[in-house]
Amino acid sequence: MVTDTLPSTDTIRNWLGEVPDPEIPVISVTDLGIVRDISWQGDTLVVAVTPTYSGCPATAFINMEIEAKLRDKGIEDFRIERRLSPPWTSDWLTPEAREKLRAYGIAPPIDGTAPDGRTAARAARLAGRSNLAVDCPRCGSTDTEKVSQHGSTPCKAAYRCRDCLEPFDYFKCI
């Protein structure tokens, strides 16, 4: 690839915004915040990816999808780096990702963007309370209960709304 025709990192970020998370296909890998950095080192594109946790089973698949997208766009000389430090946090979810999760039926994490903030989530765990006031993504009620600490994927917990009686996943605050 000739240097004067290299696409901008913003363009590449937009391309990667088309790569869905395999476990939650309504959000992209950029919405999720795991694409940490995109840079050119000479004619080589370097994409740094931080998995949501070091044992995430979707990491290899995500890297393959990023590779496929880059090749589809004509980028042949690239490297995908795994960056573990600092570790991923749910704070890196974009505001758009939070809305997409809610619309999809998954309660977004209660963290620094919520009115009660991450402190409330941590305080509840330290106090031994098993339930956070997680809004139901379907009806908006806060009268919800945790059914299981383990949801459909390791990053989610299973909840149920006492008002509309619907089960839903809560994306854990990490």
C-alpha atoms as a PDB file:
ATOM      1  CA  MET A   1       0.000   0.000   0.000  1.00  0.00           C
ATOM      2  CA  VAL A   2       1.423   3.406  -0.977  1.00  0.00           C
ATOM      3  CA  THR A   3       1.923   5.788   1.977  1.00  0.00           C
ATOM      4  CA  ASP A   4       0.039   8.733   0.442  1.00  0.00           C
ATOM      5  CA  THR A   5      -3.090   6.581   0.046  1.00  0.00           C
ATOM      6  CA  LEU A   6      -3.242   5.209   3.584  1.00  0.00           C
ATOM      7  CA  PRO A   7      -6.701   5.692   5.102  1.00  0.00           C
ATOM      8  CA  SER A   8      -6.934   7.809   8.234  1.00  0.00           C
ATOM      9  CA  THR A   9      -7.258   6.178  11.624  1.00  0.00           C
ATOM     10  CA  ASP A  10     -10.736   7.770  11.908  1.00  0.00           C
ATOM     11  CA  THR A  11     -11.754   6.006   8.693  1.00  0.00           C
ATOM     12  CA  ILE A  12     -10.411   2.721  10.014  1.00  0.00           C
ATOM     13  CA  ARG A  13     -12.232   3.234  13.330  1.00  0.00           C
ATOM     14  CA  ASN A  14     -15.444   3.741  11.329  1.00  0.00           C
ATOM     15  CA  TRP A  15     -14.781   0.508   9.433  1.00  0.00           C
ATOM     16  CA  LEU A  16     -14.225  -1.368  12.694  1.00  0.00           C
ATOM     17  CA  GLY A  17     -17.488   0.137  13.948  1.00  0.00           C
ATOM     18  CA  GLU A  18     -19.125  -2.292  11.507  1.00  0.00           C
ATOM     19  CA  VAL A  19     -17.612  -5.326  13.297  1.00  0.00           C
ATOM     20  CA  PRO A  20     -20.220  -6.652  15.742  1.00  0.00           C
ATOM     21  CA  ASP A  21     -19.379  -8.119  19.118  1.00  0.00           C
ATOM     22  CA  PRO A  22     -20.059 -11.865  18.638  1.00  0.00           C
ATOM     23  CA  GLU A  23     -21.774 -12.246  22.015  1.00  0.00           C
ATOM     24  CA  ILE A  24     -23.882  -9.075  21.748  1.00  0.00           C
ATOM     25  CA  PRO A  25     -24.232  -8.413  18.006  1.00  0.00           C
ATOM     26  CA  VAL A  26     -26.192  -5.191  18.488  1.00  0.00           C
ATOM     27  CA  ILE A  27     -22.986  -3.401  19.557  1.00  0.00           C
ATOM     28  CA  SER A  28     -19.704  -3.141  17.685  1.00  0.00           C
ATOM     29  CA  VAL A  29     -16.199  -3.716  18.923  1.00  0.00           C
ATOM     30  CA  THR A  30     -15.691   0.064  18.916  1.00  0.00           C
ATOM     31  CA  ASP A  31     -18.979   0.620  20.825  1.00  0.00           C
ATOM     32  CA  LEU A  32     -17.692  -1.871  23.379  1.00  0.00           C
ATOM     33  CA  GLY A  33     -14.476   0.098  23.738  1.00  0.00           C
ATOM     34  CA  ILE A  34     -12.144  -2.828  23.181  1.00  0.00           C
ATOM     35  CA  VAL A  35     -10.439  -1.246  20.152  1.00  0.00           C
ATOM     36  CA  ARG A  36      -7.957   0.759  22.191  1.00  0.00           C
ATOM     37  CA  ASP A  37      -5.718   2.296  19.591  1.00  0.00           C
ATOM     38  CA  ILE A  38      -5.306   2.486  15.839  1.00  0.00           C
ATOM     39  CA  SER A  39      -2.046   3.780  14.419  1.00  0.00           C
ATOM     40  CA  TRP A  40       0.216   3.570  11.427  1.00  0.00           C
ATOM     41  CA  GLN A  41       3.807   2.463  11.920  1.00  0.00           C
ATOM     42  CA  GLY A  42       5.152   3.240   8.497  1.00  0.00           C
ATOM     43  CA  ASP A  43       2.944   1.304   6.080  1.00  0.00           C
ATOM     44  CA  THR A  44       1.855  -1.162   8.777  1.00  0.00           C
ATOM     45  CA  LEU A  45      -1.483  -0.620  10.510  1.00  0.00           C
ATOM     46  CA  VAL A  46      -1.449  -1.498  14.215  1.00  0.00           C
ATOM     47  CA  VAL A  47      -4.768  -2.132  15.975  1.00  0.00           C
ATOM     48  CA  ALA A  48      -4.583  -2.568  19.755  1.00  0.00           C
ATOM     49  CA  VAL A  49      -7.428  -4.596  21.256  1.00  0.00           C
ATOM     50  CA  THR A  50      -8.176  -5.065  24.951  1.00  0.00           C
ATOM     51  CA  PRO A  51     -10.486  -8.005  25.700  1.00  0.00           C
ATOM     52  CA  THR A  52     -13.277  -7.455  28.206  1.00  0.00           C
ATOM     53  CA  TYR A  53     -11.416  -9.934  30.400  1.00  0.00           C
ATOM     54  CA  SER A  54      -8.276 -11.965  29.806  1.00  0.00           C
ATOM     55  CA  GLY A  55     -10.147 -15.269  29.419  1.00  0.00           C
ATOM     56  CA  CYS A  56     -12.864 -13.970  27.096  1.00  0.00           C
ATOM     57  CA  PRO A  57     -13.703 -16.831  24.711  1.00  0.00           C
ATOM     58  CA  ALA A  58     -14.689 -14.388  21.952  1.00  0.00           C
ATOM     59  CA  THR A  59     -11.266 -12.695  21.687  1.00  0.00           C
ATOM     60  CA  ALA A  60      -9.898 -14.915  18.890  1.00  0.00           C
ATOM     61  CA  PHE A  61     -13.119 -14.586  16.921  1.00  0.00           C
ATOM     62  CA  ILE A  62     -13.118 -10.791  17.338  1.00  0.00           C
ATOM     63  CA  ASN A  63      -9.532 -10.628  16.046  1.00  0.00           C
ATOM     64  CA  MET A  64     -10.497 -12.760  13.031  1.00  0.00           C
ATOM     65  CA  GLU A  65     -13.428 -10.444  12.276  1.00  0.00           C
ATOM     66  CA  ILE A  66     -11.222  -7.355  12.570  1.00  0.00           C
ATOM     67  CA  GLU A  67      -8.715  -9.000  10.233  1.00  0.00           C
ATOM     68  CA  ALA A  68     -11.483  -9.869   7.737  1.00  0.00           C
ATOM     69  CA  LYS A  69     -12.810  -6.283   7.785  1.00  0.00           C
ATOM     70  CA  LEU A  70      -9.341  -4.818   7.215  1.00  0.00           C
ATOM     71  CA  ARG A  71      -8.629  -7.208   4.334  1.00  0.00           C
ATOM     72  CA  ASP A  72     -12.065  -6.445   2.858  1.00  0.00           C
ATOM     73  CA  LYS A  73     -11.115  -2.757   2.875  1.00  0.00           C
ATOM     74  CA  GLY A  74      -7.802  -3.462   1.128  1.00  0.00           C
ATOM     75  CA  ILE A  75      -5.485  -3.339   4.138  1.00  0.00           C
ATOM     76  CA  GLU A  76      -2.989  -6.194   3.907  1.00  0.00           C
ATOM     77  CA  ASP A  77      -0.121  -5.005   6.073  1.00  0.00           C
ATOM     78  CA  PHE A  78      -1.426  -4.886   9.636  1.00  0.00           C
ATOM     79  CA  ARG A  79      -0.877  -6.235  13.115  1.00  0.00           C
ATOM     80  CA  ILE A  80      -3.457  -6.809  15.855  1.00  0.00           C
ATOM     81  CA  GLU A  81      -1.943  -6.379  19.312  1.00  0.00           C
ATOM     82  CA  ARG A  82      -3.489  -7.642  22.506  1.00  0.00           C
ATOM     83  CA  ARG A  83      -3.237  -4.911  25.140  1.00  0.00           C
ATOM     84  CA  LEU A  84      -4.049  -6.027  28.681  1.00  0.00           C
ATOM     85  CA  SER A  85      -2.983  -2.917  30.561  1.00  0.00           C
ATOM     86  CA  PRO A  86      -4.892  -1.052  31.646  1.00  0.00           C
ATOM     87  CA  PRO A  87      -7.581  -3.721  31.818  1.00  0.00           C
ATOM     88  CA  TRP A  88     -10.898  -3.130  30.091  1.00  0.00           C
ATOM     89  CA  THR A  89     -13.663  -1.563  32.157  1.00  0.00           C
ATOM     90  CA  SER A  90     -17.364  -1.172  31.426  1.00  0.00           C
ATOM     91  CA  ASP A  91     -16.721   2.582  31.655  1.00  0.00           C
ATOM     92  CA  TRP A  92     -15.336   2.252  28.107  1.00  0.00           C
ATOM     93  CA  LEU A  93     -18.766   1.420  26.686  1.00  0.00           C
ATOM     94  CA  THR A  94     -19.886   4.338  24.554  1.00  0.00           C
ATOM     95  CA  PRO A  95     -23.168   6.110  25.394  1.00  0.00           C
ATOM     96  CA  GLU A  96     -24.496   4.719  22.098  1.00  0.00           C
ATOM     97  CA  ALA A  97     -23.582   1.194  23.212  1.00  0.00           C
ATOM     98  CA  ARG A  98     -25.536   1.650  26.449  1.00  0.00           C
ATOM     99  CA  GLU A  99     -28.626   2.702  24.525  1.00  0.00           C
ATOM    100  CA  LYS A 100     -28.215  -0.142  22.034  1.00  0.00           C
ATOM    101  CA  LEU A 101     -27.954  -2.626  24.931  1.00  0.00           C
ATOM    102  CA  ARG A 102     -31.103  -1.250  26.557  1.00  0.00           C
ATOM    103  CA  ALA A 103     -33.035  -1.359  23.267  1.00  0.00           C
ATOM    104  CA  TYR A 104     -31.830  -4.947  22.759  1.00  0.00           C
ATOM    105  CA  GLY A 105     -33.165  -5.945  26.188  1.00  0.00           C
ATOM    106  CA  ILE A 106     -29.914  -5.939  28.178  1.00  0.00           C
ATOM    107  CA  ALA A 107     -29.606  -3.583  31.145  1.00  0.00           C
ATOM    108  CA  PRO A 108     -26.386  -1.574  30.753  1.00  0.00           C
ATOM    109  CA  PRO A 109     -23.882  -1.556  33.614  1.00  0.00           C
ATOM    110  CA  ILE A 110     -24.396   0.716  36.573  1.00  0.00           C
ATOM    111  CA  ASP A 111     -21.144   2.628  36.712  1.00  0.00           C
ATOM    112  CA  GLY A 112     -19.752   6.114  36.414  1.00  0.00           C
ATOM    113  CA  THR A 113     -22.371   7.195  33.860  1.00  0.00           C
ATOM    114  CA  ALA A 114     -25.337   6.321  36.061  1.00  0.00           C
ATOM    115  CA  PRO A 115     -26.754   8.797  38.601  1.00  0.00           C
ATOM    116  CA  ASP A 116     -25.822   6.556  41.552  1.00  0.00           C
ATOM    117  CA  GLY A 117     -22.496   5.757  39.917  1.00  0.00           C
ATOM    118  CA  ARG A 118     -20.026   2.925  40.196  1.00  0.00           C
ATOM    119  CA  THR A 119     -19.648   3.642  43.908  1.00  0.00           C
ATOM    120  CA  ALA A 120     -23.203   2.430  44.546  1.00  0.00           C
ATOM    121  CA  ALA A 121     -22.535  -0.829  42.712  1.00  0.00           C
ATOM    122  CA  ARG A 122     -19.367  -1.492  44.690  1.00  0.00           C
ATOM    123  CA  ALA A 123     -20.970  -0.444  47.990  1.00  0.00           C
ATOM    124  CA  ALA A 124     -23.818  -2.884  47.412  1.00  0.00           C
ATOM    125  CA  ARG A 125     -21.366  -5.746  46.830  1.00  0.00           C
ATOM    126  CA  LEU A 126     -19.281  -4.837  49.891  1.00  0.00           C
ATOM    127  CA  ALA A 127     -22.394  -4.643  52.056  1.00  0.00           C
ATOM    128  CA  GLY A 128     -23.361  -8.128  50.941  1.00  0.00           C
ATOM    129  CA  ARG A 129     -26.467  -7.032  49.090  1.00  0.00           C
ATOM    130  CA  SER A 130     -27.040  -9.282  46.124  1.00  0.00           C
ATOM    131  CA  ASN A 131     -29.307  -6.933  44.219  1.00  0.00           C
ATOM    132  CA  LEU A 132     -28.552  -3.602  42.652  1.00  0.00           C
ATOM    133  CA  ALA A 133     -31.354  -1.289  41.622  1.00  0.00           C
ATOM    134  CA  VAL A 134     -31.077  -2.330  37.978  1.00  0.00           C
ATOM    135  CA  ASP A 135     -33.668  -0.762  35.706  1.00  0.00           C
ATOM    136  CA  CYS A 136     -35.634  -3.244  33.622  1.00  0.00           C
ATOM    137  CA  PRO A 137     -34.693  -2.566  29.978  1.00  0.00           C
ATOM    138  CA  ARG A 138     -38.226  -3.473  28.898  1.00  0.00           C
ATOM    139  CA  CYS A 139     -40.486  -1.456  31.213  1.00  0.00           C
ATOM    140  CA  GLY A 140     -38.040   0.767  33.126  1.00  0.00           C
ATOM    141  CA  SER A 141     -39.042  -0.505  36.574  1.00  0.00           C
ATOM    142  CA  THR A 142     -36.416  -0.638  39.317  1.00  0.00           C
ATOM    143  CA  ASP A 143     -38.344  -3.412  41.086  1.00  0.00           C
ATOM    144  CA  THR A 144     -35.988  -6.093  39.818  1.00  0.00           C
ATOM    145  CA  GLU A 145     -34.167  -9.026  41.358  1.00  0.00           C
ATOM    146  CA  LYS A 146     -31.024 -10.939  40.551  1.00  0.00           C
ATOM    147  CA  VAL A 147     -31.804 -14.520  39.600  1.00  0.00           C
ATOM    148  CA  SER A 148     -28.199 -15.586  39.057  1.00  0.00           C
ATOM    149  CA  GLN A 149     -24.769 -13.978  39.098  1.00  0.00           C
ATOM    150  CA  HIS A 150     -24.192 -15.821  35.821  1.00  0.00           C
ATOM    151  CA  GLY A 151     -26.085 -14.807  32.680  1.00  0.00           C
ATOM    152  CA  SER A 152     -25.893 -15.891  29.071  1.00  0.00           C
ATOM    153  CA  THR A 153     -22.225 -14.835  28.919  1.00  0.00           C
ATOM    154  CA  PRO A 154     -19.618 -14.348  31.688  1.00  0.00           C
ATOM    155  CA  CYS A 155     -19.990 -10.548  31.532  1.00  0.00           C
ATOM    156  CA  LYS A 156     -23.709 -10.657  32.331  1.00  0.00           C
ATOM    157  CA  ALA A 157     -25.932 -11.577  35.284  1.00  0.00           C
ATOM    158  CA  ALA A 158     -29.515 -12.862  35.037  1.00  0.00           C
ATOM    159  CA  TYR A 159     -32.243 -10.591  36.436  1.00  0.00           C
ATOM    160  CA  ARG A 160     -36.043 -10.598  36.507  1.00  0.00           C
ATOM    161  CA  CYS A 161     -38.447  -7.681  36.651  1.00  0.00           C
ATOM    162  CA  ARG A 162     -41.113  -7.988  39.339  1.00  0.00           C
ATOM    163  CA  ASP A 163     -43.418  -5.583  37.488  1.00  0.00           C
ATOM    164  CA  CYS A 164     -43.480  -6.917  33.923  1.00  0.00           C
ATOM    165  CA  LEU A 165     -42.210 -10.386  35.025  1.00  0.00           C
ATOM    166  CA  GLU A 166     -39.720 -10.525  32.153  1.00  0.00           C
ATOM    167  CA  PRO A 167     -36.244 -11.987  32.597  1.00  0.00           C
ATOM    168  CA  PHE A 168     -33.305  -9.966  31.291  1.00  0.00           C
ATOM    169  CA  ASP A 169     -29.534  -9.829  31.321  1.00  0.00           C
ATOM    170  CA  TYR A 170     -27.615  -7.170  33.192  1.00  0.00           C
ATOM    171  CA  PHE A 171     -24.213  -6.266  31.723  1.00  0.00           C
ATOM    172  CA  LYS A 172     -22.021  -6.384  34.819  1.00  0.00           C
ATOM    173  CA  CYS A 173     -20.072  -3.385  36.007  1.00  0.00           C
ATOM    174  CA  ILE A 174     -16.452  -4.356  35.513  1.00  0.00           C
END
